[in-house]
């Protein structure tokens, strides 16, 4: 597998995870119209997905930088 392909794949996965997290939180809040324990628990899980997504984006960027500098 090409390292650039891996970097682009991680980048896309990270962006999709962050986007999904933002959409899910807003959808749940609009549907519930309140923040109860269930919504708060879901928001914490989705926050972790968002954080992992951001880490994937950063890792992809580092891979691209390392390949282009070397």
PDB file of N, CA and C in Angstrom:
ATOM      1  N   UNK A   1       0.841  -1.177   0.000  1.00  0.00           N
ATOM      2  CA  UNK A   1       0.000   0.000   0.000  1.00  0.00           C
ATOM      3  C   UNK A   1       0.890   1.246   0.000  1.00  0.00           C
ATOM      4  N   UNK A   2       0.557   2.176  -0.827  1.00  0.00           N
ATOM      5  CA  UNK A   2       1.288   3.432  -0.934  1.00  0.00           C
ATOM      6  C   UNK A   2       1.037   4.281   0.309  1.00  0.00           C
ATOM      7  N   UNK A   3       2.084   4.897   0.843  1.00  0.00           N
ATOM      8  CA  UNK A   3       1.973   5.702   2.063  1.00  0.00           C
ATOM      9  C   UNK A   3       1.085   6.934   1.854  1.00  0.00           C
ATOM     10  N   UNK A   4       1.122   7.508   0.669  1.00  0.00           N
ATOM     11  CA  UNK A   4       0.257   8.663   0.378  1.00  0.00           C
ATOM     12  C   UNK A   4      -1.210   8.237   0.368  1.00  0.00           C
ATOM     13  N   UNK A   5      -1.490   7.075  -0.182  1.00  0.00           N
ATOM     14  CA  UNK A   5      -2.853   6.547  -0.170  1.00  0.00           C
ATOM     15  C   UNK A   5      -3.330   6.362   1.267  1.00  0.00           C
ATOM     16  N   UNK A   6      -2.457   5.834   2.134  1.00  0.00           N
ATOM     17  CA  UNK A   6      -2.797   5.670   3.544  1.00  0.00           C
ATOM     18  C   UNK A   6      -3.095   7.019   4.190  1.00  0.00           C
ATOM     19  N   UNK A   7      -2.269   8.019   3.900  1.00  0.00           N
ATOM     20  CA  UNK A   7      -2.481   9.348   4.466  1.00  0.00           C
ATOM     21  C   UNK A   7      -3.819   9.931   4.026  1.00  0.00           C
ATOM     22  N   UNK A   8      -4.130   9.800   2.752  1.00  0.00           N
ATOM     23  CA  UNK A   8      -5.410  10.322   2.251  1.00  0.00           C
ATOM     24  C   UNK A   8      -6.589   9.558   2.854  1.00  0.00           C
ATOM     25  N   UNK A   9      -6.429   8.255   3.026  1.00  0.00           N
ATOM     26  CA  UNK A   9      -7.489   7.449   3.627  1.00  0.00           C
ATOM     27  C   UNK A   9      -7.747   7.882   5.068  1.00  0.00           C
ATOM     28  N   UNK A  10      -6.684   8.066   5.853  1.00  0.00           N
ATOM     29  CA  UNK A  10      -6.834   8.531   7.230  1.00  0.00           C
ATOM     30  C   UNK A  10      -7.467   9.914   7.275  1.00  0.00           C
ATOM     31  N   UNK A  11      -7.079  10.768   6.356  1.00  0.00           N
ATOM     32  CA  UNK A  11      -7.635  12.117   6.294  1.00  0.00           C
ATOM     33  C   UNK A  11      -9.138  12.082   6.030  1.00  0.00           C
ATOM     34  N   UNK A  12      -9.539  11.291   5.073  1.00  0.00           N
ATOM     35  CA  UNK A  12     -10.965  11.189   4.749  1.00  0.00           C
ATOM     36  C   UNK A  12     -11.743  10.580   5.918  1.00  0.00           C
ATOM     37  N   UNK A  13     -11.225   9.513   6.513  1.00  0.00           N
ATOM     38  CA  UNK A  13     -11.898   8.908   7.656  1.00  0.00           C
ATOM     39  C   UNK A  13     -12.044   9.898   8.809  1.00  0.00           C
ATOM     40  N   UNK A  14     -10.986  10.633   9.087  1.00  0.00           N
ATOM     41  CA  UNK A  14     -11.035  11.630  10.161  1.00  0.00           C
ATOM     42  C   UNK A  14     -12.072  12.702   9.899  1.00  0.00           C
ATOM     43  N   UNK A  15     -12.104  13.215   8.687  1.00  0.00           N
ATOM     44  CA  UNK A  15     -13.076  14.259   8.343  1.00  0.00           C
ATOM     45  C   UNK A  15     -14.505  13.729   8.424  1.00  0.00           C
ATOM     46  N   UNK A  16     -14.716  12.499   7.966  1.00  0.00           N
ATOM     47  CA  UNK A  16     -16.050  11.905   8.052  1.00  0.00           C
ATOM     48  C   UNK A  16     -16.479  11.716   9.506  1.00  0.00           C
ATOM     49  N   UNK A  17     -15.551  11.299  10.365  1.00  0.00           N
ATOM     50  CA  UNK A  17     -15.884  11.097  11.771  1.00  0.00           C
ATOM     51  C   UNK A  17     -16.233  12.415  12.450  1.00  0.00           C
ATOM     52  N   UNK A  18     -15.475  13.450  12.179  1.00  0.00           N
ATOM     53  CA  UNK A  18     -15.755  14.759  12.773  1.00  0.00           C
ATOM     54  C   UNK A  18     -17.086  15.291  12.254  1.00  0.00           C
ATOM     55  N   UNK A  19     -17.330  15.162  10.959  1.00  0.00           N
ATOM     56  CA  UNK A  19     -18.592  15.617  10.381  1.00  0.00           C
ATOM     57  C   UNK A  19     -19.779  14.859  10.937  1.00  0.00           C
ATOM     58  N   UNK A  20     -19.660  13.530  11.044  1.00  0.00           N
ATOM     59  CA  UNK A  20     -20.731  12.717  11.606  1.00  0.00           C
ATOM     60  C   UNK A  20     -21.037  13.138  13.035  1.00  0.00           C
ATOM     61  N   UNK A  21     -19.986  13.376  13.812  1.00  0.00           N
ATOM     62  CA  UNK A  21     -20.175  13.765  15.204  1.00  0.00           C
ATOM     63  C   UNK A  21     -20.954  15.067  15.323  1.00  0.00           C
ATOM     64  N   UNK A  22     -20.581  16.051  14.540  1.00  0.00           N
ATOM     65  CA  UNK A  22     -21.280  17.351  14.593  1.00  0.00           C
ATOM     66  C   UNK A  22     -22.739  17.206  14.185  1.00  0.00           C
ATOM     67  N   UNK A  23     -22.983  16.472  13.125  1.00  0.00           N
ATOM     68  CA  UNK A  23     -24.359  16.290  12.650  1.00  0.00           C
ATOM     69  C   UNK A  23     -25.184  15.508  13.669  1.00  0.00           C
ATOM     70  N   UNK A  24     -24.620  14.463  14.241  1.00  0.00           N
ATOM     71  CA  UNK A  24     -25.349  13.632  15.198  1.00  0.00           C
ATOM     72  C   UNK A  24     -25.753  14.416  16.436  1.00  0.00           C
ATOM     73  N   UNK A  25     -24.845  15.220  16.958  1.00  0.00           N
ATOM     74  CA  UNK A  25     -25.154  16.012  18.152  1.00  0.00           C
ATOM     75  C   UNK A  25     -26.269  17.005  17.857  1.00  0.00           C
ATOM     76  N   UNK A  26     -26.175  17.694  16.743  1.00  0.00           N
ATOM     77  CA  UNK A  26     -27.210  18.667  16.406  1.00  0.00           C
ATOM     78  C   UNK A  26     -28.551  17.988  16.156  1.00  0.00           C
ATOM     79  N   UNK A  27     -28.540  16.852  15.493  1.00  0.00           N
ATOM     80  CA  UNK A  27     -29.787  16.129  15.222  1.00  0.00           C
ATOM     81  C   UNK A  27     -30.443  15.677  16.527  1.00  0.00           C
ATOM     82  N   UNK A  28     -29.647  15.115  17.410  1.00  0.00           N
ATOM     83  CA  UNK A  28     -30.191  14.632  18.679  1.00  0.00           C
ATOM     84  C   UNK A  28     -30.754  15.785  19.511  1.00  0.00           C
ATOM     85  N   UNK A  29     -30.050  16.890  19.534  1.00  0.00           N
ATOM     86  CA  UNK A  29     -30.521  18.046  20.310  1.00  0.00           C
ATOM     87  C   UNK A  29     -31.820  18.593  19.716  1.00  0.00           C
ATOM     88  N   UNK A  30     -31.905  18.676  18.389  1.00  0.00           N
ATOM     89  CA  UNK A  30     -33.132  19.154  17.754  1.00  0.00           C
ATOM     90  C   UNK A  30     -34.292  18.199  18.002  1.00  0.00           C
ATOM     91  N   UNK A  31     -34.016  16.901  18.000  1.00  0.00           N
ATOM     92  CA  UNK A  31     -35.065  15.897  18.206  1.00  0.00           C
ATOM     93  C   UNK A  31     -35.562  15.903  19.644  1.00  0.00           C
ATOM     94  N   UNK A  32     -34.661  15.982  20.597  1.00  0.00           N
ATOM     95  CA  UNK A  32     -35.012  15.883  22.012  1.00  0.00           C
ATOM     96  C   UNK A  32     -35.478  17.219  22.598  1.00  0.00           C
ATOM     97  N   UNK A  33     -34.971  18.316  22.097  1.00  0.00           N
ATOM     98  CA  UNK A  33     -35.268  19.668  22.599  1.00  0.00           C
ATOM     99  C   UNK A  33     -34.826  19.874  24.048  1.00  0.00           C
ATOM    100  N   UNK A  34     -34.023  18.955  24.535  1.00  0.00           N
ATOM    101  CA  UNK A  34     -33.487  19.078  25.885  1.00  0.00           C
ATOM    102  C   UNK A  34     -32.239  18.208  25.983  1.00  0.00           C
ATOM    103  N   UNK A  35     -31.489  18.422  27.033  1.00  0.00           N
ATOM    104  CA  UNK A  35     -30.288  17.624  27.252  1.00  0.00           C
ATOM    105  C   UNK A  35     -30.500  16.840  28.547  1.00  0.00           C
ATOM    106  N   UNK A  36     -30.906  15.587  28.406  1.00  0.00           N
ATOM    107  CA  UNK A  36     -31.054  14.725  29.576  1.00  0.00           C
ATOM    108  C   UNK A  36     -29.858  13.779  29.662  1.00  0.00           C
ATOM    109  N   UNK A  37     -29.930  12.830  30.564  1.00  0.00           N
ATOM    110  CA  UNK A  37     -28.805  11.906  30.777  1.00  0.00           C
ATOM    111  C   UNK A  37     -28.495  11.098  29.515  1.00  0.00           C
ATOM    112  N   UNK A  38     -29.529  10.667  28.793  1.00  0.00           N
ATOM    113  CA  UNK A  38     -29.336   9.866  27.576  1.00  0.00           C
ATOM    114  C   UNK A  38     -28.623  10.682  26.496  1.00  0.00           C
ATOM    115  N   UNK A  39     -29.075  11.901  26.288  1.00  0.00           N
ATOM    116  CA  UNK A  39     -28.459  12.772  25.285  1.00  0.00           C
ATOM    117  C   UNK A  39     -27.029  13.111  25.696  1.00  0.00           C
ATOM    118  N   UNK A  40     -26.825  13.397  26.980  1.00  0.00           N
ATOM    119  CA  UNK A  40     -25.493  13.738  27.460  1.00  0.00           C
ATOM    120  C   UNK A  40     -24.530  12.568  27.271  1.00  0.00           C
ATOM    121  N   UNK A  41     -25.004  11.338  27.531  1.00  0.00           N
ATOM    122  CA  UNK A  41     -24.172  10.148  27.342  1.00  0.00           C
ATOM    123  C   UNK A  41     -23.794   9.980  25.864  1.00  0.00           C
ATOM    124  N   UNK A  42     -24.756  10.175  24.981  1.00  0.00           N
ATOM    125  CA  UNK A  42     -24.479  10.072  23.544  1.00  0.00           C
ATOM    126  C   UNK A  42     -23.500  11.144  23.100  1.00  0.00           C
ATOM    127  N   UNK A  43     -23.640  12.326  23.638  1.00  0.00           N
ATOM    128  CA  UNK A  43     -22.737  13.426  23.274  1.00  0.00           C
ATOM    129  C   UNK A  43     -21.303  13.101  23.693  1.00  0.00           C
ATOM    130  N   UNK A  44     -21.126  12.461  24.847  1.00  0.00           N
ATOM    131  CA  UNK A  44     -19.781  12.094  25.294  1.00  0.00           C
ATOM    132  C   UNK A  44     -19.165  11.064  24.353  1.00  0.00           C
ATOM    133  N   UNK A  45     -19.962  10.074  23.900  1.00  0.00           N
ATOM    134  CA  UNK A  45     -19.457   9.074  22.956  1.00  0.00           C
ATOM    135  C   UNK A  45     -19.094   9.742  21.628  1.00  0.00           C
ATOM    136  N   UNK A  46     -19.957  10.612  21.159  1.00  0.00           N
ATOM    137  CA  UNK A  46     -19.712  11.285  19.885  1.00  0.00           C
ATOM    138  C   UNK A  46     -18.523  12.234  19.978  1.00  0.00           C
ATOM    139  N   UNK A  47     -18.296  12.792  21.167  1.00  0.00           N
ATOM    140  CA  UNK A  47     -17.127  13.641  21.365  1.00  0.00           C
ATOM    141  C   UNK A  47     -15.854  12.816  21.177  1.00  0.00           C
ATOM    142  N   UNK A  48     -15.841  11.594  21.682  1.00  0.00           N
ATOM    143  CA  UNK A  48     -14.674  10.729  21.531  1.00  0.00           C
ATOM    144  C   UNK A  48     -14.451  10.373  20.059  1.00  0.00           C
ATOM    145  N   UNK A  49     -15.524  10.114  19.324  1.00  0.00           N
ATOM    146  CA  UNK A  49     -15.397   9.839  17.888  1.00  0.00           C
ATOM    147  C   UNK A  49     -14.793  11.053  17.187  1.00  0.00           C
ATOM    148  N   UNK A  50     -15.243  12.245  17.564  1.00  0.00           N
ATOM    149  CA  UNK A  50     -14.703  13.470  16.978  1.00  0.00           C
ATOM    150  C   UNK A  50     -13.228  13.652  17.272  1.00  0.00           C
ATOM    151  N   UNK A  51     -12.826  13.350  18.485  1.00  0.00           N
ATOM    152  CA  UNK A  51     -11.414  13.469  18.872  1.00  0.00           C
ATOM    153  C   UNK A  51     -10.560  12.479  18.075  1.00  0.00           C
ATOM    154  N   UNK A  52     -11.037  11.241  17.951  1.00  0.00           N
ATOM    155  CA  UNK A  52     -10.307  10.247  17.159  1.00  0.00           C
ATOM    156  C   UNK A  52     -10.204  10.699  15.710  1.00  0.00           C
ATOM    157  N   UNK A  53     -11.291  11.277  15.188  1.00  0.00           N
ATOM    158  CA  UNK A  53     -11.269  11.800  13.824  1.00  0.00           C
ATOM    159  C   UNK A  53     -10.220  12.882  13.645  1.00  0.00           C
ATOM    160  N   UNK A  54     -10.130  13.787  14.612  1.00  0.00           N
ATOM    161  CA  UNK A  54      -9.120  14.846  14.528  1.00  0.00           C
ATOM    162  C   UNK A  54      -7.707  14.273  14.593  1.00  0.00           C
ATOM    163  N   UNK A  55      -7.512  13.245  15.405  1.00  0.00           N
ATOM    164  CA  UNK A  55      -6.193  12.599  15.485  1.00  0.00           C
ATOM    165  C   UNK A  55      -5.833  11.972  14.138  1.00  0.00           C
ATOM    166  N   UNK A  56      -6.804  11.329  13.479  1.00  0.00           N
ATOM    167  CA  UNK A  56      -6.541  10.746  12.163  1.00  0.00           C
ATOM    168  C   UNK A  56      -6.152  11.811  11.143  1.00  0.00           C
ATOM    169  N   UNK A  57      -6.818  12.958  11.192  1.00  0.00           N
ATOM    170  CA  UNK A  57      -6.487  14.058  10.277  1.00  0.00           C
ATOM    171  C   UNK A  57      -5.057  14.527  10.522  1.00  0.00           C
ATOM    172  N   UNK A  58      -4.669  14.658  11.783  1.00  0.00           N
ATOM    173  CA  UNK A  58      -3.318  15.106  12.126  1.00  0.00           C
ATOM    174  C   UNK A  58      -2.283  14.071  11.680  1.00  0.00           C
ATOM    175  N   UNK A  59      -2.555  12.787  11.926  1.00  0.00           N
ATOM    176  CA  UNK A  59      -1.622  11.724  11.511  1.00  0.00           C
ATOM    177  C   UNK A  59      -1.454  11.737   9.994  1.00  0.00           C
ATOM    178  N   UNK A  60      -2.562  11.907   9.275  1.00  0.00           N
ATOM    179  CA  UNK A  60      -2.482  11.964   7.814  1.00  0.00           C
ATOM    180  C   UNK A  60      -1.626  13.134   7.364  1.00  0.00           C
ATOM    181  N   UNK A  61      -1.795  14.283   7.998  1.00  0.00           N
ATOM    182  CA  UNK A  61      -0.999  15.464   7.648  1.00  0.00           C
ATOM    183  C   UNK A  61       0.486  15.214   7.907  1.00  0.00           C
ATOM    184  N   UNK A  62       0.796  14.603   9.034  1.00  0.00           N
ATOM    185  CA  UNK A  62       2.209  14.319   9.379  1.00  0.00           C
ATOM    186  C   UNK A  62       2.803  13.370   8.341  1.00  0.00           C
ATOM    187  N   UNK A  63       2.052  12.361   7.922  1.00  0.00           N
ATOM    188  CA  UNK A  63       2.554  11.426   6.907  1.00  0.00           C
ATOM    189  C   UNK A  63       2.858  12.165   5.612  1.00  0.00           C
ATOM    190  N   UNK A  64       1.950  13.028   5.173  1.00  0.00           N
ATOM    191  CA  UNK A  64       2.163  13.772   3.928  1.00  0.00           C
ATOM    192  C   UNK A  64       3.396  14.674   4.059  1.00  0.00           C
ATOM    193  N   UNK A  65       3.549  15.340   5.182  1.00  0.00           N
ATOM    194  CA  UNK A  65       4.701  16.220   5.387  1.00  0.00           C
ATOM    195  C   UNK A  65       5.990  15.423   5.369  1.00  0.00           C
ATOM    196  N   UNK A  66       6.010  14.283   6.045  1.00  0.00           N
ATOM    197  CA  UNK A  66       7.222  13.460   6.100  1.00  0.00           C
ATOM    198  C   UNK A  66       7.609  12.947   4.710  1.00  0.00           C
ATOM    199  N   UNK A  67       6.629  12.566   3.908  1.00  0.00           N
ATOM    200  CA  UNK A  67       6.916  12.055   2.561  1.00  0.00           C
ATOM    201  C   UNK A  67       7.440  13.180   1.670  1.00  0.00           C
ATOM    202  N   UNK A  68       6.861  14.363   1.792  1.00  0.00           N
ATOM    203  CA  UNK A  68       7.268  15.484   0.935  1.00  0.00           C
ATOM    204  C   UNK A  68       8.595  16.102   1.356  1.00  0.00           C
ATOM    205  N   UNK A  69       8.974  15.985   2.616  1.00  0.00           N
ATOM    206  CA  UNK A  69      10.246  16.539   3.076  1.00  0.00           C
ATOM    207  C   UNK A  69      11.380  15.582   2.764  1.00  0.00           C
ATOM    208  N   UNK A  70      11.097  14.289   2.867  1.00  0.00           N
ATOM    209  CA  UNK A  70      12.152  13.288   2.672  1.00  0.00           C
ATOM    210  C   UNK A  70      12.555  13.139   1.227  1.00  0.00           C
TER     211      UNK A  70
END
